[in-house]
Amino acid sequence: MLSKTTRMARLFDFYGQLLTDRQQLMIELYYHHDLSLGEIAEQVHVSRQAVHDNLRRGEKLLEEYETKLRLLERYQQAMEKIKQLEVILDRCELAEGKQTLQALKDLLIL
């Protein structure tokens, strides 16, 4: 399972544009730039509590979007399948098929 920080960063990548500008800014500063609530409050000129409230609302919305749309879940499933395909391709040792296998592996890289 993903850590909360990693999960929020990934959810933000998928759904961040659906948040308000203020929520986007605060989530980006908190999760991507690792600023504290106090540092964000100082930078944005609001109270620490306002930062906390905006972060929680933004996190809640990101989780709601994921519950409805499941983009992160589908992405993780696709990545797992790609890893499984890479393992299978690495095991394949047919001399005449090596170029074909390499072409398939190249297609798997996102």
N, C-alpha and C. Protein backbone atom coordinates (compact mmCIF):
# COMPACT_ATOMS: atom_id res chain seq x y z
N MET A 1 0.84 -1.19 0.00
CA MET A 1 0.00 0.00 0.00
C MET A 1 0.88 1.25 0.00
N LEU A 2 0.40 2.28 -0.65
CA LEU A 2 1.15 3.52 -0.75
C LEU A 2 1.10 4.31 0.55
N SER A 3 2.18 5.05 0.82
CA SER A 3 2.15 5.96 1.96
C SER A 3 1.15 7.07 1.65
N LYS A 4 0.69 7.76 2.68
CA LYS A 4 -0.29 8.83 2.46
C LYS A 4 0.29 9.91 1.56
N THR A 5 1.56 10.25 1.77
CA THR A 5 2.19 11.29 0.95
C THR A 5 2.24 10.88 -0.52
N THR A 6 2.65 9.66 -0.77
CA THR A 6 2.72 9.17 -2.15
C THR A 6 1.33 9.08 -2.76
N ARG A 7 0.38 8.57 -2.00
CA ARG A 7 -0.99 8.45 -2.51
C ARG A 7 -1.57 9.82 -2.86
N MET A 8 -1.40 10.80 -1.97
CA MET A 8 -1.93 12.14 -2.24
C MET A 8 -1.25 12.77 -3.44
N ALA A 9 0.05 12.57 -3.57
CA ALA A 9 0.77 13.12 -4.73
C ALA A 9 0.24 12.51 -6.02
N ARG A 10 -0.01 11.22 -6.01
CA ARG A 10 -0.54 10.57 -7.22
C ARG A 10 -1.98 10.96 -7.50
N LEU A 11 -2.79 11.03 -6.46
CA LEU A 11 -4.17 11.49 -6.66
C LEU A 11 -4.18 12.91 -7.20
N PHE A 12 -3.28 13.73 -6.68
CA PHE A 12 -3.18 15.11 -7.16
C PHE A 12 -2.81 15.14 -8.64
N ASP A 13 -1.92 14.24 -9.06
CA ASP A 13 -1.55 14.18 -10.48
C ASP A 13 -2.76 13.86 -11.35
N PHE A 14 -3.62 12.97 -10.87
CA PHE A 14 -4.80 12.59 -11.64
C PHE A 14 -5.92 13.62 -11.57
N TYR A 15 -6.18 14.15 -10.38
CA TYR A 15 -7.39 14.95 -10.16
C TYR A 15 -7.14 16.38 -9.71
N GLY A 16 -5.91 16.79 -9.61
CA GLY A 16 -5.59 18.10 -9.06
C GLY A 16 -6.29 19.26 -9.76
N GLN A 17 -6.45 19.15 -11.05
CA GLN A 17 -7.09 20.24 -11.81
C GLN A 17 -8.56 20.44 -11.44
N LEU A 18 -9.13 19.48 -10.74
CA LEU A 18 -10.53 19.58 -10.33
C LEU A 18 -10.69 20.35 -9.01
N LEU A 19 -9.58 20.63 -8.34
CA LEU A 19 -9.61 21.37 -7.08
C LEU A 19 -9.57 22.87 -7.35
N THR A 20 -9.89 23.66 -6.32
CA THR A 20 -9.76 25.11 -6.45
C THR A 20 -8.29 25.46 -6.55
N ASP A 21 -8.01 26.65 -7.04
CA ASP A 21 -6.63 27.10 -7.16
C ASP A 21 -5.92 27.09 -5.81
N ARG A 22 -6.62 27.51 -4.77
CA ARG A 22 -6.04 27.56 -3.42
C ARG A 22 -5.73 26.15 -2.92
N GLN A 23 -6.65 25.21 -3.12
CA GLN A 23 -6.42 23.84 -2.70
C GLN A 23 -5.24 23.23 -3.47
N GLN A 24 -5.19 23.51 -4.77
CA GLN A 24 -4.07 23.02 -5.58
C GLN A 24 -2.74 23.54 -5.03
N LEU A 25 -2.69 24.83 -4.75
CA LEU A 25 -1.46 25.44 -4.26
C LEU A 25 -1.03 24.81 -2.93
N MET A 26 -1.96 24.69 -2.01
CA MET A 26 -1.62 24.18 -0.69
C MET A 26 -1.22 22.71 -0.72
N ILE A 27 -1.91 21.91 -1.52
CA ILE A 27 -1.55 20.51 -1.63
C ILE A 27 -0.19 20.36 -2.31
N GLU A 28 0.06 21.16 -3.31
CA GLU A 28 1.37 21.10 -3.98
C GLU A 28 2.49 21.50 -3.03
N LEU A 29 2.29 22.59 -2.28
CA LEU A 29 3.31 23.03 -1.33
C LEU A 29 3.54 21.99 -0.23
N TYR A 30 2.47 21.39 0.24
CA TYR A 30 2.57 20.44 1.35
C TYR A 30 3.14 19.09 0.91
N TYR A 31 2.60 18.52 -0.15
CA TYR A 31 3.00 17.17 -0.55
C TYR A 31 4.17 17.14 -1.54
N HIS A 32 4.28 18.12 -2.41
CA HIS A 32 5.35 18.09 -3.41
C HIS A 32 6.60 18.84 -2.93
N HIS A 33 6.40 19.90 -2.16
CA HIS A 33 7.54 20.70 -1.70
C HIS A 33 7.85 20.49 -0.23
N ASP A 34 7.06 19.65 0.44
CA ASP A 34 7.30 19.25 1.82
C ASP A 34 7.38 20.44 2.80
N LEU A 35 6.55 21.45 2.57
CA LEU A 35 6.49 22.59 3.49
C LEU A 35 5.55 22.25 4.65
N SER A 36 5.82 22.82 5.79
CA SER A 36 4.95 22.63 6.96
C SER A 36 3.71 23.51 6.83
N LEU A 37 2.72 23.26 7.67
CA LEU A 37 1.51 24.09 7.68
C LEU A 37 1.88 25.55 7.96
N GLY A 38 2.78 25.75 8.91
CA GLY A 38 3.20 27.10 9.26
C GLY A 38 3.91 27.80 8.11
N GLU A 39 4.76 27.08 7.40
CA GLU A 39 5.48 27.66 6.26
C GLU A 39 4.51 28.05 5.15
N ILE A 40 3.54 27.19 4.91
CA ILE A 40 2.53 27.49 3.88
C ILE A 40 1.70 28.69 4.31
N ALA A 41 1.29 28.72 5.57
CA ALA A 41 0.48 29.84 6.08
C ALA A 41 1.22 31.16 5.90
N GLU A 42 2.49 31.15 6.20
CA GLU A 42 3.30 32.36 6.06
C GLU A 42 3.41 32.79 4.60
N GLN A 43 3.61 31.83 3.73
CA GLN A 43 3.78 32.12 2.31
C GLN A 43 2.49 32.62 1.67
N VAL A 44 1.35 32.05 2.09
CA VAL A 44 0.07 32.38 1.47
C VAL A 44 -0.67 33.49 2.23
N HIS A 45 -0.15 33.85 3.39
CA HIS A 45 -0.72 34.93 4.21
C HIS A 45 -2.10 34.57 4.76
N VAL A 46 -2.19 33.35 5.29
CA VAL A 46 -3.42 32.91 5.97
C VAL A 46 -2.99 32.22 7.27
N SER A 47 -3.97 31.86 8.08
CA SER A 47 -3.65 31.18 9.34
C SER A 47 -3.26 29.72 9.07
N ARG A 48 -2.57 29.16 10.03
CA ARG A 48 -2.20 27.75 9.96
C ARG A 48 -3.46 26.89 9.89
N GLN A 49 -4.49 27.28 10.61
CA GLN A 49 -5.76 26.54 10.61
C GLN A 49 -6.40 26.58 9.22
N ALA A 50 -6.31 27.72 8.53
CA ALA A 50 -6.87 27.83 7.18
C ALA A 50 -6.15 26.88 6.23
N VAL A 51 -4.84 26.77 6.39
CA VAL A 51 -4.07 25.83 5.56
C VAL A 51 -4.53 24.41 5.85
N HIS A 52 -4.63 24.08 7.12
CA HIS A 52 -5.07 22.74 7.54
C HIS A 52 -6.44 22.42 6.94
N ASP A 53 -7.38 23.34 7.07
CA ASP A 53 -8.74 23.12 6.56
C ASP A 53 -8.75 22.93 5.04
N ASN A 54 -7.99 23.76 4.32
CA ASN A 54 -7.93 23.64 2.87
C ASN A 54 -7.30 22.32 2.45
N LEU A 55 -6.25 21.91 3.15
CA LEU A 55 -5.62 20.62 2.85
C LEU A 55 -6.60 19.48 3.06
N ARG A 56 -7.29 19.47 4.18
CA ARG A 56 -8.23 18.37 4.47
C ARG A 56 -9.36 18.33 3.46
N ARG A 57 -9.91 19.49 3.10
CA ARG A 57 -10.97 19.52 2.09
C ARG A 57 -10.45 19.01 0.74
N GLY A 58 -9.26 19.44 0.37
CA GLY A 58 -8.66 18.99 -0.88
C GLY A 58 -8.40 17.49 -0.88
N GLU A 59 -7.86 16.98 0.22
CA GLU A 59 -7.61 15.54 0.34
C GLU A 59 -8.91 14.76 0.25
N LYS A 60 -9.93 15.25 0.91
CA LYS A 60 -11.22 14.57 0.88
C LYS A 60 -11.78 14.53 -0.54
N LEU A 61 -11.67 15.64 -1.25
CA LEU A 61 -12.15 15.67 -2.64
C LEU A 61 -11.36 14.71 -3.52
N LEU A 62 -10.04 14.68 -3.36
CA LEU A 62 -9.23 13.77 -4.16
C LEU A 62 -9.65 12.33 -3.92
N GLU A 63 -9.89 11.98 -2.66
CA GLU A 63 -10.32 10.61 -2.34
C GLU A 63 -11.71 10.32 -2.92
N GLU A 64 -12.59 11.31 -2.88
CA GLU A 64 -13.94 11.12 -3.46
C GLU A 64 -13.86 10.91 -4.97
N TYR A 65 -13.01 11.69 -5.64
CA TYR A 65 -12.85 11.51 -7.08
C TYR A 65 -12.32 10.10 -7.39
N GLU A 66 -11.36 9.65 -6.59
CA GLU A 66 -10.81 8.30 -6.81
C GLU A 66 -11.86 7.24 -6.56
N THR A 67 -12.70 7.41 -5.55
CA THR A 67 -13.76 6.45 -5.27
C THR A 67 -14.71 6.34 -6.46
N LYS A 68 -14.99 7.46 -7.10
CA LYS A 68 -15.92 7.45 -8.22
C LYS A 68 -15.27 7.03 -9.54
N LEU A 69 -14.06 7.51 -9.80
CA LEU A 69 -13.45 7.32 -11.11
C LEU A 69 -12.40 6.21 -11.18
N ARG A 70 -11.74 5.92 -10.04
CA ARG A 70 -10.78 4.84 -9.91
C ARG A 70 -9.61 4.91 -10.89
N LEU A 71 -9.17 6.11 -11.25
CA LEU A 71 -8.05 6.24 -12.18
C LEU A 71 -6.74 5.74 -11.59
N LEU A 72 -6.47 6.07 -10.34
CA LEU A 72 -5.23 5.60 -9.69
C LEU A 72 -5.25 4.09 -9.56
N GLU A 73 -6.36 3.53 -9.16
CA GLU A 73 -6.47 2.07 -9.03
C GLU A 73 -6.20 1.39 -10.37
N ARG A 74 -6.79 1.90 -11.43
CA ARG A 74 -6.59 1.32 -12.75
C ARG A 74 -5.15 1.48 -13.22
N TYR A 75 -4.56 2.61 -12.91
CA TYR A 75 -3.16 2.86 -13.27
C TYR A 75 -2.26 1.85 -12.56
N GLN A 76 -2.49 1.64 -11.26
CA GLN A 76 -1.68 0.69 -10.50
C GLN A 76 -1.84 -0.73 -11.03
N GLN A 77 -3.06 -1.09 -11.41
CA GLN A 77 -3.29 -2.42 -11.98
C GLN A 77 -2.55 -2.57 -13.31
N ALA A 78 -2.59 -1.54 -14.13
CA ALA A 78 -1.89 -1.59 -15.42
C ALA A 78 -0.38 -1.72 -15.21
N MET A 79 0.15 -0.98 -14.24
CA MET A 79 1.59 -1.05 -13.96
C MET A 79 1.98 -2.44 -13.46
N GLU A 80 1.14 -3.05 -12.66
CA GLU A 80 1.42 -4.40 -12.18
C GLU A 80 1.42 -5.39 -13.35
N LYS A 81 0.49 -5.26 -14.26
CA LYS A 81 0.46 -6.14 -15.44
C LYS A 81 1.71 -5.94 -16.30
N ILE A 82 2.13 -4.70 -16.43
CA ILE A 82 3.35 -4.42 -17.20
C ILE A 82 4.55 -5.10 -16.55
N LYS A 83 4.64 -5.02 -15.22
CA LYS A 83 5.75 -5.69 -14.52
C LYS A 83 5.71 -7.19 -14.76
N GLN A 84 4.53 -7.76 -14.73
CA GLN A 84 4.39 -9.19 -14.97
C GLN A 84 4.81 -9.55 -16.39
N LEU A 85 4.42 -8.73 -17.36
CA LEU A 85 4.82 -8.96 -18.75
C LEU A 85 6.33 -8.86 -18.91
N GLU A 86 6.94 -7.90 -18.24
CA GLU A 86 8.40 -7.76 -18.33
C GLU A 86 9.10 -8.99 -17.79
N VAL A 87 8.59 -9.55 -16.69
CA VAL A 87 9.18 -10.77 -16.12
C VAL A 87 9.06 -11.92 -17.12
N ILE A 88 7.90 -12.06 -17.73
CA ILE A 88 7.69 -13.12 -18.71
C ILE A 88 8.62 -12.93 -19.90
N LEU A 89 8.74 -11.71 -20.38
CA LEU A 89 9.61 -11.44 -21.53
C LEU A 89 11.07 -11.69 -21.20
N ASP A 90 11.48 -11.36 -19.98
CA ASP A 90 12.86 -11.60 -19.57
C ASP A 90 13.18 -13.09 -19.52
N ARG A 91 12.19 -13.91 -19.22
CA ARG A 91 12.39 -15.36 -19.15
C ARG A 91 12.49 -16.02 -20.52
N CYS A 92 11.91 -15.35 -21.50
CA CYS A 92 11.86 -15.93 -22.84
C CYS A 92 13.26 -15.87 -23.46
N GLU A 93 13.77 -17.02 -23.89
CA GLU A 93 15.13 -17.07 -24.41
C GLU A 93 15.19 -17.65 -25.83
N LEU A 94 14.19 -17.41 -26.60
CA LEU A 94 14.22 -17.90 -27.98
C LEU A 94 15.16 -17.02 -28.78
N ALA A 95 16.19 -17.60 -29.35
CA ALA A 95 17.21 -16.84 -30.07
C ALA A 95 16.61 -16.05 -31.22
N GLU A 96 15.72 -16.68 -31.99
CA GLU A 96 15.14 -15.98 -33.15
C GLU A 96 14.15 -14.90 -32.75
N GLY A 97 13.68 -14.94 -31.50
CA GLY A 97 12.69 -13.97 -31.07
C GLY A 97 13.22 -12.82 -30.24
N LYS A 98 14.54 -12.73 -30.07
CA LYS A 98 15.08 -11.70 -29.18
C LYS A 98 14.76 -10.29 -29.65
N GLN A 99 14.84 -10.03 -30.94
CA GLN A 99 14.53 -8.69 -31.43
C GLN A 99 13.05 -8.37 -31.21
N THR A 100 12.20 -9.34 -31.46
CA THR A 100 10.76 -9.14 -31.23
C THR A 100 10.49 -8.89 -29.76
N LEU A 101 11.14 -9.67 -28.91
CA LEU A 101 10.97 -9.49 -27.47
C LEU A 101 11.43 -8.10 -27.03
N GLN A 102 12.56 -7.66 -27.57
CA GLN A 102 13.06 -6.33 -27.20
C GLN A 102 12.08 -5.26 -27.67
N ALA A 103 11.52 -5.43 -28.84
CA ALA A 103 10.54 -4.46 -29.35
C ALA A 103 9.32 -4.42 -28.43
N LEU A 104 8.87 -5.58 -27.97
CA LEU A 104 7.74 -5.62 -27.04
C LEU A 104 8.08 -4.94 -25.72
N LYS A 105 9.27 -5.20 -25.20
CA LYS A 105 9.69 -4.56 -23.95
C LYS A 105 9.74 -3.04 -24.11
N ASP A 106 10.24 -2.59 -25.27
CA ASP A 106 10.30 -1.15 -25.50
C ASP A 106 8.91 -0.52 -25.51
N LEU A 107 7.93 -1.24 -26.02
CA LEU A 107 6.56 -0.75 -26.03
C LEU A 107 5.96 -0.67 -24.64
N LEU A 108 6.43 -1.53 -23.74
CA LEU A 108 5.90 -1.57 -22.38
C LEU A 108 6.35 -0.37 -21.53
N ILE A 109 7.44 0.24 -21.90
CA ILE A 109 7.95 1.36 -21.10
C ILE A 109 7.05 2.56 -21.33
N LEU A 110 6.56 3.12 -20.21
CA LEU A 110 5.65 4.27 -20.30
C LEU A 110 6.40 5.56 -20.28
